[in-house]
Protein backbone atom coordinates (compact mmCIF):
# COMPACT_ATOMS: atom_id res chain seq x y z
CA MET A 1 12.47 -0.82 66.99
CA THR A 2 10.41 -0.49 70.15
CA ASP A 3 11.99 0.35 73.47
CA SER A 4 11.46 -3.16 74.79
CA GLN A 5 12.96 -4.68 71.63
CA LEU A 6 16.05 -2.49 71.96
CA ILE A 7 16.53 -3.49 75.60
CA ALA A 8 16.09 -7.16 74.72
CA PHE A 9 18.70 -6.83 71.95
CA ILE A 10 21.18 -5.07 74.25
CA ASP A 11 20.68 -7.66 76.97
CA ALA A 12 21.18 -10.48 74.48
CA LEU A 13 24.53 -9.14 73.28
CA PRO A 14 27.53 -10.75 74.96
CA LYS A 15 29.43 -7.88 76.55
CA ALA A 16 32.47 -7.00 78.60
CA GLU A 17 32.69 -4.23 81.20
CA HIS A 18 36.03 -2.41 81.38
CA HIS A 19 35.27 0.58 83.58
CA LEU A 20 33.58 -0.26 86.87
CA HIS A 21 34.58 1.23 90.23
CA LEU A 22 33.70 -0.91 93.23
CA ASP A 23 33.85 2.26 95.33
CA GLY A 24 30.92 3.53 93.27
CA SER A 25 29.08 0.21 92.95
CA PRO A 26 27.52 -0.79 96.30
CA ASN A 27 23.92 -1.87 95.81
CA TRP A 28 21.74 0.88 97.26
CA HIS A 29 18.87 -1.55 97.96
CA THR A 30 21.21 -3.63 100.12
CA MET A 31 22.47 -0.49 101.84
CA HIS A 32 18.91 0.70 102.51
CA ALA A 33 17.76 -2.70 103.79
CA THR A 34 20.75 -2.90 106.14
CA ASP A 35 20.75 0.73 107.38
CA PRO A 36 17.53 2.54 106.37
CA ASP A 37 18.19 5.45 108.70
CA ARG A 38 21.53 6.30 107.09
CA PHE A 39 20.44 5.48 103.52
CA PRO A 40 16.74 6.39 103.39
CA GLU A 41 16.63 7.38 99.71
CA PRO A 42 18.69 6.72 96.59
CA PRO A 43 21.16 9.47 95.67
CA PRO A 44 19.52 12.48 93.95
CA SER A 45 22.04 11.93 91.15
CA TRP A 46 19.90 9.01 89.92
CA ASP A 47 17.59 11.56 88.31
CA ALA A 48 18.13 11.63 84.53
CA ASP A 49 18.38 15.43 84.51
CA PHE A 50 20.87 15.62 87.39
CA ARG A 51 24.24 17.24 86.67
CA PHE A 52 27.20 17.52 89.07
CA VAL A 53 28.54 21.05 89.37
CA ASN A 54 32.11 19.71 89.42
CA PHE A 55 34.19 16.63 90.22
CA GLU A 56 34.52 17.68 93.86
CA ALA A 57 30.74 17.45 94.18
CA PHE A 58 30.86 13.95 92.73
CA GLU A 59 33.52 12.98 95.28
CA GLY A 60 31.20 14.35 97.96
CA TYR A 61 28.59 11.79 96.91
CA ILE A 62 31.19 9.03 97.14
CA ARG A 63 32.02 10.18 100.67
CA ALA A 64 28.35 10.41 101.63
CA TYR A 65 27.19 7.08 100.23
CA ALA A 66 30.05 4.68 99.49
CA VAL A 67 32.65 5.50 102.14
CA PRO A 68 30.34 4.89 105.13
CA TRP A 69 29.35 1.56 103.59
CA LEU A 70 32.69 0.16 102.42
CA THR A 71 34.22 -0.28 105.85
CA SER A 72 35.66 -3.78 105.52
CA ALA A 73 37.17 -6.23 103.08
CA GLU A 74 33.95 -8.23 103.39
CA ARG A 75 31.86 -5.27 102.25
CA PHE A 76 34.11 -4.73 99.23
CA ALA A 77 33.73 -8.43 98.42
CA HIS A 78 29.95 -8.33 98.80
CA THR A 79 29.81 -5.27 96.54
CA ALA A 80 31.89 -7.06 93.89
CA HIS A 81 29.65 -10.10 94.05
CA GLU A 82 26.41 -8.13 93.80
CA VAL A 83 27.42 -5.83 90.97
CA LEU A 84 28.91 -8.62 88.88
CA GLU A 85 25.86 -10.81 89.45
CA THR A 86 23.86 -7.92 87.98
CA ARG A 87 26.27 -7.70 85.06
CA ALA A 88 26.00 -11.45 84.50
CA LYS A 89 22.25 -11.00 84.02
CA GLU A 90 23.14 -8.44 81.33
CA ASN A 91 25.25 -11.11 79.58
CA VAL A 92 28.63 -9.73 80.66
CA ARG A 93 31.28 -12.43 80.30
CA TYR A 94 34.40 -10.44 81.17
CA ALA A 95 34.83 -7.58 83.65
CA GLU A 96 37.59 -5.27 84.82
CA VAL A 97 36.82 -3.70 88.18
CA SER A 98 38.83 -1.39 90.40
CA PHE A 99 39.00 -0.35 94.02
CA ALA A 100 40.56 2.90 95.19
CA ALA A 101 43.87 2.64 97.06
CA LEU A 102 43.46 5.94 98.87
CA ALA A 103 40.01 5.00 100.17
CA VAL A 104 41.32 1.69 101.48
CA GLU A 105 44.24 3.44 103.17
CA ARG A 106 41.96 5.98 104.85
CA SER A 107 39.60 3.26 106.07
CA GLY A 108 42.44 1.30 107.62
CA ILE A 109 41.63 -1.86 105.63
CA ASP A 110 44.54 -4.00 104.49
CA ILE A 111 45.02 -3.70 100.72
CA GLN A 112 46.13 -7.29 100.16
CA GLU A 113 43.36 -8.71 102.36
CA THR A 114 40.80 -6.62 100.49
CA ALA A 115 42.11 -7.69 97.09
CA LYS A 116 41.92 -11.37 98.08
CA ALA A 117 38.38 -10.99 99.43
CA ILE A 118 37.27 -9.31 96.20
CA GLN A 119 38.89 -11.98 94.04
CA ASP A 120 37.22 -14.71 96.10
CA ALA A 121 33.83 -13.03 95.56
CA PHE A 122 34.06 -12.82 91.77
CA PRO A 123 31.52 -15.05 89.96
CA ALA A 124 33.09 -18.31 88.83
CA ASN A 125 31.42 -18.08 85.41
CA MET A 126 32.86 -14.64 84.54
CA GLU A 127 36.42 -13.77 83.55
CA THR A 128 37.61 -10.93 85.77
CA ARG A 129 40.56 -8.62 86.32
CA LEU A 130 41.06 -6.60 89.50
CA TYR A 131 42.72 -3.19 89.31
CA ILE A 132 43.73 -0.90 92.13
CA GLY A 133 43.09 2.76 91.46
CA MET A 134 45.98 5.05 92.36
CA HIS A 135 45.23 8.68 93.20
CA HIS A 136 47.38 11.34 91.50
CA LYS A 137 48.57 12.28 94.98
CA ALA A 138 50.81 9.91 96.88
CA PHE A 139 49.63 7.73 99.73
CA GLU A 140 49.25 9.74 102.91
CA THR A 141 51.36 7.32 105.01
CA ASP A 142 54.14 4.88 104.08
CA HIS A 143 53.86 5.65 100.37
CA ASP A 144 56.72 3.38 99.28
CA GLY A 145 55.50 0.57 101.51
CA TYR A 146 52.08 0.60 99.91
CA LEU A 147 53.59 0.59 96.42
CA HIS A 148 55.64 -2.49 97.26
CA GLN A 149 52.54 -4.20 98.68
CA ILE A 150 50.67 -3.61 95.43
CA LEU A 151 53.48 -4.96 93.27
CA ASP A 152 53.78 -8.04 95.50
CA CYS A 153 50.05 -8.79 95.60
CA ASP A 154 49.11 -11.53 93.13
CA GLU A 155 45.40 -10.79 93.56
CA ILE A 156 45.88 -7.31 92.08
CA ASN A 157 46.03 -7.79 88.32
CA GLY A 158 46.60 -4.19 87.32
CA ILE A 159 46.79 -0.52 88.22
CA ASP A 160 44.68 2.44 87.13
CA LEU A 161 45.08 6.19 87.66
CA HIS A 162 42.05 7.62 89.49
CA GLY A 163 40.85 10.85 91.06
CA PRO A 164 40.90 14.46 89.88
CA GLU A 165 43.15 14.61 86.84
CA GLU A 166 46.41 16.48 87.37
CA PHE A 167 48.75 16.96 84.44
CA PRO A 168 51.68 17.02 83.97
CA LEU A 169 52.06 13.72 85.74
CA ARG A 170 54.05 13.47 88.96
CA PRO A 171 57.41 11.65 88.68
CA TRP A 172 56.41 8.86 91.09
CA ILE A 173 53.46 7.97 88.85
CA LYS A 174 55.67 7.57 85.78
CA GLN A 175 58.11 5.39 87.72
CA PHE A 176 55.42 3.24 89.33
CA TRP A 177 53.66 2.56 86.04
CA ALA A 178 56.97 1.36 84.60
CA ASP A 179 57.63 -0.77 87.69
CA ALA A 180 54.13 -2.26 87.56
CA LYS A 181 54.44 -3.13 83.89
CA ASN A 182 57.81 -4.78 84.56
CA ALA A 183 56.18 -6.75 87.37
CA GLY A 184 53.60 -8.12 84.95
CA LYS A 185 50.71 -5.92 86.03
CA LEU A 186 48.16 -4.58 83.55
CA ILE A 187 48.16 -0.79 83.24
CA LYS A 188 45.50 1.77 82.38
CA ALA A 189 44.73 5.39 83.28
CA HIS A 190 41.85 7.84 83.54
CA ALA A 191 42.58 10.74 81.20
CA SER A 192 40.79 13.51 79.33
CA GLU A 193 37.56 13.09 81.24
CA LEU A 194 37.31 16.68 82.48
CA THR A 195 40.64 18.39 81.80
CA GLY A 196 40.88 18.55 78.02
CA PRO A 197 42.87 16.52 75.49
CA THR A 198 46.36 16.64 76.99
CA GLY A 199 45.80 13.79 79.44
CA VAL A 200 45.42 11.17 76.72
CA ARG A 201 48.69 12.15 75.10
CA GLU A 202 50.54 12.11 78.44
CA ALA A 203 49.08 8.77 79.49
CA ILE A 204 50.22 7.20 76.24
CA GLU A 205 53.61 8.91 76.02
CA ASP A 206 54.66 8.98 79.68
CA LEU A 207 52.95 5.90 81.14
CA GLY A 208 52.98 3.57 78.16
CA VAL A 209 49.23 3.18 78.55
CA THR A 210 47.00 2.41 75.58
CA LYS A 211 43.91 1.61 77.66
CA ILE A 212 42.32 4.96 78.48
CA GLN A 213 39.42 5.38 80.89
CA HIS A 214 36.98 7.94 79.42
CA GLY A 215 39.21 9.92 77.03
CA VAL A 216 36.20 11.79 75.66
CA GLN A 217 37.72 15.28 75.79
CA ALA A 218 40.49 14.13 73.47
CA ALA A 219 37.85 14.81 70.80
CA LEU A 220 38.50 18.53 71.31
CA ASP A 221 41.83 18.13 69.51
CA PRO A 222 41.88 16.14 66.24
CA ALA A 223 45.67 15.76 66.54
CA VAL A 224 45.29 13.95 69.86
CA VAL A 225 42.57 11.73 68.42
CA LYS A 226 44.89 10.77 65.55
CA PHE A 227 47.74 10.22 68.01
CA ALA A 228 45.54 7.88 70.06
CA ALA A 229 44.35 6.02 66.97
CA ASP A 230 47.91 5.62 65.69
CA ALA A 231 48.92 4.24 69.12
CA ASN A 232 46.08 1.65 68.90
CA ALA A 233 44.62 3.13 72.08
CA SER A 234 41.17 2.14 73.28
CA PHE A 235 38.81 4.41 75.22
CA ASP A 236 36.58 2.82 77.88
CA VAL A 237 33.74 5.32 77.70
CA CYS A 238 30.88 5.80 80.19
CA PRO A 239 28.11 7.78 78.44
CA VAL A 240 25.71 8.26 81.38
CA SER A 241 28.55 9.30 83.68
CA ASN A 242 30.02 11.62 81.03
CA VAL A 243 26.73 13.51 80.79
CA LYS A 244 26.06 13.78 84.53
CA LEU A 245 29.64 14.88 85.26
CA LYS A 246 29.52 17.32 82.32
CA ALA A 247 32.52 15.75 80.62
CA VAL A 248 30.43 16.43 77.53
CA PRO A 249 28.01 19.37 77.15
CA SER A 250 25.11 17.01 76.42
CA MET A 251 24.51 13.47 75.24
CA GLU A 252 23.68 14.87 71.81
CA GLU A 253 27.29 16.13 71.67
CA HIS A 254 28.92 12.96 73.00
CA PRO A 255 31.89 12.10 70.74
CA ILE A 256 31.89 8.29 71.04
CA MET A 257 30.62 7.73 67.51
CA LYS A 258 33.11 10.20 66.05
CA LEU A 259 36.00 8.74 68.05
CA GLU A 260 35.14 5.25 66.84
CA ALA A 261 34.90 6.48 63.25
CA ALA A 262 38.30 8.18 63.62
CA GLY A 263 39.96 4.89 64.50
CA VAL A 264 39.91 4.96 68.30
CA THR A 265 38.43 1.69 69.55
CA CYS A 266 35.70 2.55 72.06
CA THR A 267 33.88 0.41 74.60
CA ILE A 268 30.70 1.22 76.54
CA ASN A 269 30.75 0.99 80.35
CA SER A 270 28.86 2.06 83.49
CA ASP A 271 31.50 3.67 85.79
CA ASP A 272 29.81 4.17 89.22
CA PRO A 273 26.28 2.70 89.22
CA LEU A 274 25.55 3.62 92.84
CA ILE A 275 26.13 7.27 92.06
CA PHE A 276 24.73 7.48 88.54
CA GLY A 277 21.81 5.07 88.99
CA ASN A 278 22.61 3.11 85.83
CA ASP A 279 23.15 -0.43 84.66
CA LEU A 280 25.29 -1.26 81.64
CA ARG A 281 22.22 -1.55 79.41
CA ASP A 282 21.41 2.10 80.15
CA ASP A 283 24.74 3.21 78.68
CA TYR A 284 24.24 1.16 75.53
CA LYS A 285 20.65 2.35 75.23
CA ILE A 286 21.46 6.06 75.51
CA VAL A 287 23.98 5.73 72.67
CA ALA A 288 21.20 4.26 70.52
CA ASP A 289 18.41 6.58 71.67
CA VAL A 290 20.30 9.86 71.46
CA LEU A 291 23.14 9.28 69.00
CA GLY A 292 21.22 6.96 66.71
CA ALA A 293 23.60 4.01 66.97
CA THR A 294 22.25 1.12 64.91
CA PRO A 295 22.11 -2.46 66.16
CA ALA A 296 25.20 -3.18 64.06
CA GLN A 297 27.05 -0.29 65.71
CA LEU A 298 26.03 -1.43 69.19
CA ALA A 299 27.23 -4.89 68.27
CA GLN A 300 30.58 -3.40 67.21
CA PHE A 301 30.95 -1.69 70.59
CA ALA A 302 30.26 -5.06 72.22
CA LYS A 303 32.89 -6.69 70.00
CA ASN A 304 35.34 -3.94 70.95
CA SER A 305 34.82 -4.82 74.60
CA PHE A 306 36.17 -8.30 73.88
CA THR A 307 38.92 -7.48 71.40
CA THR A 308 40.44 -5.08 73.97
CA ALA A 309 40.09 -7.57 76.85
CA ASP A 310 42.98 -9.33 78.57
CA TRP A 311 41.58 -12.70 77.59
CA ASP A 312 42.69 -15.59 75.42
CA GLN A 313 41.97 -15.35 71.71
CA GLU A 314 39.72 -18.39 71.65
CA ASN A 315 37.23 -16.86 74.09
CA ILE A 316 37.41 -13.47 72.40
CA GLU A 317 36.60 -15.02 69.02
CA ALA A 318 33.79 -17.08 70.52
CA ALA A 319 32.21 -13.98 72.07
CA CYS A 320 32.46 -12.05 68.80
CA LYS A 321 30.88 -14.97 66.94
CA ASP A 322 28.01 -15.02 69.43
CA ILE A 323 27.56 -11.27 68.98
CA GLU A 324 27.24 -11.81 65.22
CA ALA A 325 24.63 -14.49 65.84
CA VAL A 326 22.57 -12.18 68.07
CA LEU A 327 22.80 -9.41 65.47
CA SER A 328 21.79 -11.77 62.64
CA GLU A 329 18.83 -13.04 64.61
CA HIS A 330 17.76 -9.50 65.41
CA THR A 331 18.04 -8.22 61.83
CA ALA A 332 16.17 -11.28 60.54
CA ASP A 333 13.10 -10.48 62.69
C-alpha cells in the first residue's frame, strides 16, 4: 500500500477520539495569525525526532504556548471548535475532550462558565463528552468549593486524573471519584504513562476506573496486563505522544499491539496536538508504518474507539458496520 493509499484508508475509517486535551490543542496557525510576535514559530517539539527530557519539560511547553493563549472561556471554546472541526474532517464521529481544572483556577476563569462555552462550541454533528482534568494535587484555593462546583455542573460530563502521576493516590482523589460516579459523572484516569505499571492497578482498584488514559507502561508487568484485561479495562493510547515523552523507548517497542493481543482493548488518540504537532491520522499511521498494523488491525482499533464510547448501542453498531464497509472496499481494491 502506498503512503497516500494508507492515509486515504485511515481518513475514510469512522473513528472516535478518547484522549484529547484542550489545553494542548489550540491551533498554532490561529495563534500565530493573532499574535505573531509571541508565537513566531511552531513548537520545536513538532519535529519527528524531538524527545522531551522529562514530563516537567513537557509542562514547560504547555506554559509557554497554551497558557498564554487560553486566557478566557471564549478561547477555550474556540479551541474546542477548531480542533473538533479538524477531527470531523478525519471522520471522527465521537470525541471525549478535557480541560485542566488547575489551569482554569490559575487563570481566574470560572469553571462552569468555561464548561458551558466549550459545550456550546462543540460541532452539532459530532457526539461529544466534556471531562475536567483534576491534578493529583488539590486546588490551590477553596478546594472543596471547586469540587462541589464540578459535581453541580451539568456541562461537565466526567472527570479525569491529569498531571504528573503520583501513586499511591491521595485520599481526596479516591473520595472524589466515588462522589463523581455517584453523581452520574463519567470517570477515567491517566495512569502508567511514565511511572511504571502500578498506576493502572491503583486506578482500577481504588478509583473504580476501567477507562485508562495511556496505560502503556502496564506492559512492563504481565500480571498487571492480565489484571486490566480481566477488569475489561480499555487503554486510550497516544502513540506519537508516547514516543516524544519517552513513555516507550521507541515506536518500535510500543506495546499497543501486544496489549491488544493480551485482551486489553486499546484505542488510538492524539493527546496534545499543539505540542506534538500531530493529527489523529498521524497516530494511526505510525502504528501501521512502524508496528506493521494491517488495515484490518487499524479497523479494529477504530471499532474499539466506538465500543468503548459512552454512546447508544445503535450508533456504535452503525459506526462499526461502516468501518467494515470501508475495510471491505479497501481490501477489494
